[in-house]
Structures are given as C-alpha cells and as structure tokens.
Amino acid sequence: MNRTAILLGVAVVAVVGLLSSIFIVDEREKALVLQFGQIKSVKEEPGLAFKIPLIQEVVRYDDRILSRDIDPIEVTPLDDRRLVVDAFARYRITDVVQFRQAVGVGGTASAEARIDLILRSRLREVLGSVTSDSILSVDRAALTTRIRDSARTEAAGLGVEIIDVRLIRTDLPEQNLEATFARMRAEREREAADEIARGNEAAQRVRAQADRTVVETVSDARRQAEIIRGEADALRNAIYAEAFGADEEFFEFYRSLSAYTTALQPGNSTLVLSPDSEFFTFLNESGAGTLAASPAIAPAAEAPAAEAPADVEAPADPAPAEAAPAEEAPAEAAPAAPAN
C-alpha cells in the first residue's frame, strides 16, 4: 500500500514536471527561455518547445506588425508658422534578444515609450527643415519617408524595425486659427470686391452702349419723321396750291371763312374793329343789315383799327366792349358783329 502510494506520487510529480517543461510557441509570437534572467534559447518557430521546470521561464513577444499612435506635437517649420502634427507608426520586433537586452523587463510598454521619443525627435528635425507649404502639400509623402528612414536607423538598436510612419493630421494651433481665418476672409472679400468691380464696369459698358443705341435710334427715327413730315407738308401745299389756284376768289373766300371761324368762336371777348376793315369784306357784301342790328361791336371813331388781310389767319386781340371810347357816334356807324 505504501509502495503504491509512493509510485503514484512519483508518477504525479513526473507528469507535472513533464507538463511544466513543455510550452507551445504560437505562430504569432516569439519566445525567449530565461534562466535566472539570462537568455538560454530563442524559440522563433511555432510548435512545442521544452524548458527546465522551476529553473527556466518563458517570455513571449508579439511577432506581428504593431501600431503606435503618437500624441500630437507642435513643430515650427522654416517659415515660423507653428503646426500641430499628429502621427502614427508601424513597427515590428525583429530581434527578440536585442529587444530584451534593450528594454529589460519593461517589455513592449518600455519599447513604445522609447519609440515615441525617437519619432518625436525625428518629426521635429525633418519638419523643421522645410516650410509649412511643403508639409501641407503632396511633398508630405517624401517627408514621411525621411522620418521613417531616420527613425528606423535609431530604432534598430532596440531590435525593432520601423515599417512605416504617417501624418494623420496637420493643423494650426488654436491661437493661430482665428488669425488665419481672418486673413482668409479678408482675401476672399478682396477677391469678391474685385469681381464686383469688374461686373460693375462691364454693366456700365453695356448700359452706355445701350444708351448710345437708344439715342442713335431715336435721333434717326426723328430725322426720318421730319423728312416724312416735310415731304407730306410739301405735298399738302402742292395740293392746296393746285386746288385753290384754279379759283383765286374762292380761295380768298375760304380763307376769310377760316379766319371768321377762328376769331368768332363762342366765349371770345368782344372785338373792336373799324367798319371798313378788310376783315368784314365778305360780311359787308353778304349781310350789312344784319351787322347793323347787332350791338356786339361798338363803333369806334378814334379807336385804332386792327386790320386783318383776308388771306391771313389773324385773330384780333380781345378787348372789352366798354373799353372803346365813343364820344360822337356817327349816324353811319358800322353795325356791331356779335362775337358768337
């Protein structure tokens, strides 16, 4: 019974020891076998591996490509325009022995802190040697390549390979944003004012051309209208001359009737004329008795006579009937012609 228990205990210890001496190396990692802090072996191939139980220990490191985001830093390019740069890096542990010796027991966290310092210094060095326009242009790809190459050389002492470095964001500091935006607004307002001025200039040219066209068109229309009117007046006068030239007495009679119509309109003032005036030639010949019976025209012995030729349209100046002096009315005074 005692022998069986001993054998069972030995078997258990042997199994535990065997299991403790076996470990599995994953394909995504590398392993170091340490004995009292000293590196005894490196396990880079995936599969089973062995170690001495209780004496040796296994430290594993990730063999994949790792990412490291760098906190935003402020850089000053050659043109003294400060910029806030945010970047990230891709790295991989290539030599686990050198990595262990460089970072010690700190592991990946210690390595990333040192990688941050390397990248920060390289960023300030490279970006500080160019202008801000180069950083914000397509040349930034070449700049990131320079940063990666310089950081890779320095990070090689850690057993780490810097695979890539990229700039995520490049902005102005908060205190400079407002001034930059104000400058951009002023520039856009200046361009807008230039465009408005050019538009107004073009509008003035179009308006002046339109005004000139209007004046020329109206002037030409008036000229043609005057020509047509003159030709019409000439044709009318020719027709009148031809029509009235056939009978001169009828022409004088027609002109006298037109003068009577103009002078003796309803509402006109009383006319004071001499009885023997040529204005009454046709009236005296046609109805002297009717004129004598009408008191509209008072006889004027000494009043000046306003004579109007029969062939001229001349309305007499209006004068009130009581304004004509009548000291001695001759018996043969001319009868008054009613105004209406």
Protein backbone atom coordinates (compact mmCIF):
# COMPACT_ATOMS: atom_id res chain seq x y z
CA MET A 1 0.00 0.00 0.00
CA ASN A 2 2.77 2.36 0.91
CA ARG A 3 4.68 1.38 -2.21
CA THR A 4 1.68 2.08 -4.40
CA ALA A 5 1.21 5.48 -2.86
CA ILE A 6 4.84 6.32 -3.42
CA LEU A 7 4.71 5.19 -7.02
CA LEU A 8 1.53 7.19 -7.55
CA GLY A 9 3.15 10.30 -6.08
CA VAL A 10 6.22 9.85 -8.23
CA ALA A 11 4.02 9.48 -11.30
CA VAL A 12 2.12 12.63 -10.46
CA VAL A 13 5.34 14.55 -9.94
CA ALA A 14 6.73 13.18 -13.19
CA VAL A 15 3.60 14.20 -15.10
CA VAL A 16 3.59 17.65 -13.55
CA GLY A 17 7.27 18.07 -14.30
CA LEU A 18 6.79 16.90 -17.87
CA LEU A 19 3.90 19.28 -18.37
CA SER A 20 5.86 22.12 -16.81
CA SER A 21 8.76 21.53 -19.17
CA ILE A 22 6.60 21.71 -22.29
CA PHE A 23 5.33 25.01 -23.77
CA ILE A 24 3.79 25.96 -27.10
CA VAL A 25 5.16 28.70 -29.31
CA ASP A 26 2.35 30.37 -31.25
CA GLU A 27 2.90 31.33 -34.86
CA ARG A 28 2.14 34.96 -34.00
CA GLU A 29 4.87 35.30 -31.41
CA LYS A 30 8.46 34.61 -30.47
CA ALA A 31 9.67 33.23 -27.16
CA LEU A 32 12.79 33.55 -25.01
CA VAL A 33 13.82 30.89 -22.49
CA LEU A 34 15.41 32.58 -19.49
CA GLN A 35 17.32 31.02 -16.66
CA PHE A 36 17.84 33.28 -13.72
CA GLY A 37 17.38 36.29 -16.04
CA GLN A 38 19.87 35.04 -18.58
CA ILE A 39 18.80 34.16 -22.12
CA LYS A 40 19.30 30.48 -22.74
CA SER A 41 17.47 29.96 -26.00
CA VAL A 42 15.26 31.66 -28.57
CA LYS A 43 12.16 29.99 -29.92
CA GLU A 44 11.02 31.61 -33.18
CA GLU A 45 9.42 28.63 -34.91
CA PRO A 46 5.86 27.72 -33.94
CA GLY A 47 5.30 24.40 -32.20
CA LEU A 48 6.28 22.56 -29.00
CA ALA A 49 9.37 23.54 -27.05
CA PHE A 50 10.93 22.45 -23.78
CA LYS A 51 12.43 24.09 -20.76
CA ILE A 52 13.67 23.06 -17.36
CA PRO A 53 10.82 23.29 -14.89
CA LEU A 54 11.15 25.66 -11.94
CA ILE A 55 14.54 26.90 -13.16
CA GLN A 56 13.78 28.33 -16.56
CA GLU A 57 10.94 30.65 -17.60
CA VAL A 58 9.47 31.65 -20.94
CA VAL A 59 8.97 35.29 -22.10
CA ARG A 60 6.82 35.82 -25.14
CA TYR A 61 6.88 38.76 -27.58
CA ASP A 62 4.44 39.57 -30.36
CA ASP A 63 5.83 38.84 -33.81
CA ARG A 64 3.11 40.76 -35.68
CA ILE A 65 3.25 44.32 -37.01
CA LEU A 66 2.30 46.63 -34.16
CA SER A 67 0.83 50.13 -34.27
CA ARG A 68 1.83 53.09 -32.18
CA ASP A 69 -0.09 56.39 -32.15
CA ILE A 70 2.00 59.39 -31.19
CA ASP A 71 0.49 62.19 -29.16
CA PRO A 72 0.12 65.47 -31.12
CA ILE A 73 3.25 67.60 -31.03
CA GLU A 74 3.91 71.16 -32.09
CA VAL A 75 6.58 71.80 -34.71
CA THR A 76 7.98 75.02 -36.15
CA PRO A 77 8.80 74.93 -39.90
CA LEU A 78 11.25 77.25 -41.62
CA ASP A 79 8.60 79.95 -42.17
CA ASP A 80 7.89 80.11 -38.41
CA ARG A 81 4.26 79.04 -38.81
CA ARG A 82 3.70 76.69 -35.93
CA LEU A 83 1.83 73.49 -36.72
CA VAL A 84 0.29 70.76 -34.58
CA VAL A 85 1.20 67.36 -36.06
CA ASP A 86 -0.47 64.08 -35.20
CA ALA A 87 1.29 60.92 -36.48
CA PHE A 88 1.39 57.16 -36.04
CA ALA A 89 3.95 54.44 -36.74
CA ARG A 90 4.00 50.75 -37.62
CA TYR A 91 6.82 48.67 -36.16
CA ARG A 92 7.83 45.07 -35.63
CA ILE A 93 10.18 43.28 -33.21
CA THR A 94 12.84 41.73 -35.40
CA ASP A 95 15.47 40.68 -32.84
CA VAL A 96 13.98 39.48 -29.56
CA VAL A 97 17.38 39.04 -27.91
CA GLN A 98 18.41 42.61 -28.63
CA PHE A 99 14.93 43.80 -27.73
CA ARG A 100 15.16 42.04 -24.33
CA GLN A 101 18.58 43.46 -23.67
CA ALA A 102 17.46 46.99 -24.64
CA VAL A 103 14.19 47.22 -22.73
CA GLY A 104 14.74 44.66 -20.00
CA VAL A 105 11.74 43.58 -18.01
CA GLY A 106 9.74 46.62 -19.20
CA GLY A 107 8.78 44.78 -22.34
CA THR A 108 6.64 46.34 -25.06
CA ALA A 109 5.48 49.29 -22.93
CA SER A 110 9.05 50.43 -22.34
CA ALA A 111 9.88 49.93 -26.01
CA GLU A 112 6.91 52.03 -27.14
CA ALA A 113 7.91 54.86 -24.83
CA ARG A 114 11.37 54.91 -26.40
CA ILE A 115 9.87 54.67 -29.90
CA ASP A 116 7.74 57.73 -29.08
CA LEU A 117 10.85 59.70 -28.15
CA ILE A 118 12.59 58.65 -31.35
CA LEU A 119 9.64 59.58 -33.57
CA ARG A 120 9.09 62.90 -31.84
CA SER A 121 12.68 63.95 -32.35
CA ARG A 122 12.66 62.80 -35.98
CA LEU A 123 9.41 64.64 -36.66
CA ARG A 124 10.75 67.90 -35.26
CA GLU A 125 14.02 67.50 -37.12
CA VAL A 126 12.55 66.74 -40.57
CA LEU A 127 9.51 69.01 -40.45
CA GLY A 128 11.56 71.85 -39.03
CA SER A 129 13.82 71.79 -42.10
CA VAL A 130 11.03 72.60 -44.60
CA THR A 131 8.29 75.18 -44.95
CA SER A 132 4.71 74.72 -43.88
CA ASP A 133 3.60 74.77 -47.51
CA SER A 134 5.72 71.68 -48.16
CA ILE A 135 4.19 69.93 -45.16
CA LEU A 136 0.67 70.69 -46.35
CA SER A 137 1.34 69.78 -49.99
CA VAL A 138 1.90 66.49 -51.82
CA ASP A 139 5.52 66.58 -50.66
CA ARG A 140 4.48 65.23 -47.26
CA ALA A 141 4.85 61.66 -48.58
CA ALA A 142 8.55 62.28 -49.16
CA LEU A 143 8.80 63.87 -45.72
CA THR A 144 7.26 60.84 -44.01
CA THR A 145 9.74 58.62 -45.86
CA ARG A 146 12.61 60.70 -44.49
CA ILE A 147 11.15 60.48 -40.98
CA ARG A 148 10.78 56.70 -41.28
CA ASP A 149 14.34 56.17 -42.55
CA SER A 150 15.92 58.29 -39.85
CA ALA A 151 13.78 56.71 -37.10
CA ARG A 152 14.48 53.20 -38.43
CA THR A 153 18.23 53.67 -38.03
CA GLU A 154 17.86 54.81 -34.43
CA ALA A 155 15.25 52.19 -33.52
CA ALA A 156 17.41 49.37 -34.83
CA GLY A 157 19.33 49.46 -31.53
CA LEU A 158 16.13 48.33 -29.81
CA GLY A 159 15.75 45.28 -32.02
CA VAL A 160 12.75 46.99 -33.62
CA GLU A 161 12.12 47.79 -37.28
CA ILE A 162 10.08 50.92 -38.09
CA ILE A 163 7.97 49.81 -41.03
CA ASP A 164 6.01 52.99 -41.75
CA VAL A 165 5.33 56.48 -40.41
CA ARG A 166 2.31 58.55 -41.43
CA LEU A 167 0.99 62.01 -40.60
CA ILE A 168 -2.64 61.79 -39.53
CA ARG A 169 -3.41 65.47 -39.13
CA THR A 170 -1.57 68.74 -39.57
CA ASP A 171 -3.32 71.78 -38.12
CA LEU A 172 -2.55 75.22 -36.86
CA PRO A 173 -2.55 75.83 -33.11
CA GLU A 174 -5.81 77.07 -31.66
CA GLN A 175 -4.39 80.53 -31.00
CA ASN A 176 -3.43 80.91 -34.67
CA LEU A 177 -6.63 79.58 -36.22
CA GLU A 178 -8.64 82.76 -35.73
CA ALA A 179 -5.94 84.95 -37.27
CA THR A 180 -5.63 82.57 -40.20
CA PHE A 181 -9.37 82.51 -40.74
CA ALA A 182 -9.49 86.32 -40.60
CA ARG A 183 -6.75 86.52 -43.21
CA MET A 184 -8.61 84.04 -45.42
CA ARG A 185 -11.83 86.02 -45.03
CA ALA A 186 -10.05 89.25 -45.98
CA GLU A 187 -8.56 87.58 -49.04
CA ARG A 188 -11.93 86.24 -50.15
CA GLU A 189 -13.58 89.63 -49.55
CA ARG A 190 -10.89 91.30 -51.66
CA GLU A 191 -11.48 88.83 -54.47
CA ALA A 192 -15.24 89.39 -54.17
CA ALA A 193 -14.74 93.17 -54.35
CA ASP A 194 -12.60 92.74 -57.47
CA GLU A 195 -15.28 90.59 -59.08
CA ILE A 196 -17.99 93.12 -58.17
CA ALA A 197 -15.90 95.98 -59.58
CA ARG A 198 -15.32 94.10 -62.83
CA GLY A 199 -19.03 93.29 -63.02
CA ASN A 200 -19.98 96.94 -62.46
CA GLU A 201 -17.51 98.01 -65.11
CA ALA A 202 -19.00 95.56 -67.60
CA ALA A 203 -22.50 96.72 -66.64
CA GLN A 204 -21.51 100.36 -67.22
CA ARG A 205 -20.14 99.48 -70.65
CA VAL A 206 -23.32 97.62 -71.58
CA ARG A 207 -25.50 100.42 -70.21
CA ALA A 208 -23.53 103.11 -72.06
CA GLN A 209 -23.73 101.14 -75.29
CA ALA A 210 -27.48 100.68 -74.81
CA ASP A 211 -27.97 104.40 -74.11
CA ARG A 212 -25.96 105.28 -77.19
CA THR A 213 -28.02 102.88 -79.28
CA VAL A 214 -31.23 104.40 -77.90
CA VAL A 215 -30.09 107.95 -78.69
CA GLU A 216 -28.97 106.97 -82.19
CA THR A 217 -32.21 105.09 -82.85
CA VAL A 218 -34.41 107.93 -81.57
CA SER A 219 -32.40 110.53 -83.48
CA ASP A 220 -32.61 108.53 -86.68
CA ALA A 221 -36.34 108.00 -86.15
CA ARG A 222 -36.88 111.71 -85.57
CA ARG A 223 -34.82 112.59 -88.63
CA GLN A 224 -36.83 110.23 -90.77
CA ALA A 225 -40.07 111.56 -89.22
CA GLU A 226 -39.07 115.15 -90.04
CA ILE A 227 -38.21 114.14 -93.57
CA ILE A 228 -41.53 112.38 -93.99
CA ARG A 229 -43.39 115.30 -92.36
CA GLY A 230 -41.64 117.80 -94.64
CA GLU A 231 -42.41 115.74 -97.70
CA ALA A 232 -46.05 115.46 -96.54
CA ASP A 233 -46.27 119.22 -95.93
CA ALA A 234 -44.79 119.89 -99.37
CA LEU A 235 -47.30 117.51 -100.94
CA ARG A 236 -50.15 119.12 -98.98
CA ASN A 237 -49.11 122.62 -100.03
CA ALA A 238 -48.81 121.47 -103.62
CA ILE A 239 -52.31 120.02 -103.45
CA TYR A 240 -53.64 123.22 -101.84
CA ALA A 241 -51.89 125.37 -104.42
CA GLU A 242 -53.23 123.27 -107.25
CA ALA A 243 -56.75 123.21 -105.80
CA PHE A 244 -57.02 126.90 -104.86
CA GLY A 245 -55.04 128.14 -107.84
CA ALA A 246 -57.91 127.14 -110.04
CA ASP A 247 -60.14 129.86 -108.46
CA GLU A 248 -58.39 132.65 -106.53
CA GLU A 249 -61.65 134.34 -105.42
CA PHE A 250 -62.89 131.10 -103.92
CA PHE A 251 -59.52 130.71 -102.15
CA GLU A 252 -59.84 134.20 -100.59
CA PHE A 253 -63.42 133.42 -99.58
CA TYR A 254 -62.34 130.12 -97.97
CA ARG A 255 -59.51 131.80 -96.05
CA SER A 256 -61.87 134.52 -94.81
CA LEU A 257 -64.32 131.89 -93.56
CA SER A 258 -61.45 130.14 -91.76
CA ALA A 259 -60.47 133.48 -90.15
CA TYR A 260 -64.09 134.09 -89.09
CA THR A 261 -64.29 130.61 -87.58
CA THR A 262 -61.10 131.21 -85.61
CA ALA A 263 -61.89 134.77 -84.45
CA LEU A 264 -65.60 134.49 -83.77
CA GLN A 265 -65.66 131.42 -81.56
CA PRO A 266 -68.11 131.13 -78.67
CA GLY A 267 -66.79 132.63 -75.45
CA ASN A 268 -64.32 135.06 -77.10
CA SER A 269 -64.13 138.68 -75.95
CA THR A 270 -65.76 141.47 -77.95
CA LEU A 271 -63.84 142.69 -80.99
CA VAL A 272 -63.46 146.44 -81.66
CA LEU A 273 -62.77 146.96 -85.37
CA SER A 274 -63.21 149.68 -87.95
CA PRO A 275 -66.34 149.23 -90.08
CA ASP A 276 -64.36 149.50 -93.29
CA SER A 277 -61.83 146.83 -92.21
CA GLU A 278 -60.98 144.20 -94.78
CA PHE A 279 -61.91 141.63 -92.16
CA PHE A 280 -65.60 142.33 -92.92
CA THR A 281 -65.30 142.34 -96.68
CA PHE A 282 -67.44 139.27 -97.27
CA LEU A 283 -69.73 140.02 -94.35
CA ASN A 284 -70.49 143.55 -95.66
CA GLU A 285 -71.16 142.16 -99.07
CA SER A 286 -73.46 139.40 -97.81
CA GLY A 287 -75.44 140.97 -94.94
CA ALA A 288 -74.78 144.56 -93.86
CA GLY A 289 -78.25 144.90 -92.42
CA THR A 290 -77.72 142.01 -90.07
CA LEU A 291 -74.48 143.56 -88.82
CA ALA A 292 -76.16 146.91 -88.17
CA ALA A 293 -78.79 145.30 -85.99
CA SER A 294 -76.25 143.55 -83.76
CA PRO A 295 -74.85 145.55 -80.78
CA ALA A 296 -71.86 143.23 -80.19
CA ILE A 297 -69.38 145.58 -81.84
CA ALA A 298 -69.45 149.23 -80.77
CA PRO A 299 -68.48 151.96 -83.23
CA ALA A 300 -65.11 153.47 -82.59
CA ALA A 301 -64.46 156.84 -84.18
CA GLU A 302 -60.96 157.24 -82.84
CA ALA A 303 -60.07 153.61 -81.93
CA PRO A 304 -57.20 152.11 -83.87
CA ALA A 305 -58.35 149.58 -86.39
CA ALA A 306 -56.97 146.10 -86.38
CA GLU A 307 -56.89 145.10 -89.97
CA ALA A 308 -56.53 141.51 -90.99
CA PRO A 309 -55.99 140.60 -94.61
CA ALA A 310 -58.44 138.19 -95.99
CA ASP A 311 -55.74 135.69 -96.90
CA VAL A 312 -54.04 135.61 -93.41
CA GLU A 313 -55.42 133.87 -90.35
CA ALA A 314 -55.05 136.57 -87.63
CA PRO A 315 -57.46 136.55 -84.70
CA ALA A 316 -57.99 140.09 -83.30
CA ASP A 317 -56.84 140.97 -79.78
CA PRO A 318 -59.71 140.70 -77.35
CA ALA A 319 -60.92 143.97 -75.75
CA PRO A 320 -63.98 144.60 -73.60
CA ALA A 321 -66.80 146.46 -75.29
CA GLU A 322 -66.91 149.19 -72.67
CA ALA A 323 -63.21 149.98 -73.17
CA ALA A 324 -63.80 151.63 -76.56
CA PRO A 325 -64.42 155.42 -76.32
CA ALA A 326 -67.50 156.59 -78.17
CA GLU A 327 -67.60 160.43 -77.95
CA GLU A 328 -69.56 161.09 -81.09
CA ALA A 329 -71.19 158.17 -82.84
CA PRO A 330 -71.69 158.98 -86.50
CA ALA A 331 -75.03 158.24 -87.97
CA GLU A 332 -73.47 155.86 -90.44
CA ALA A 333 -71.60 153.89 -87.72
CA ALA A 334 -70.86 150.31 -88.60
CA PRO A 335 -73.19 147.78 -87.11
CA ALA A 336 -71.73 145.54 -84.42
CA ALA A 337 -70.97 141.94 -85.22
CA PRO A 338 -71.86 139.52 -82.49
CA ALA A 339 -68.97 137.56 -81.06
CA ASN A 340 -70.81 134.28 -81.08
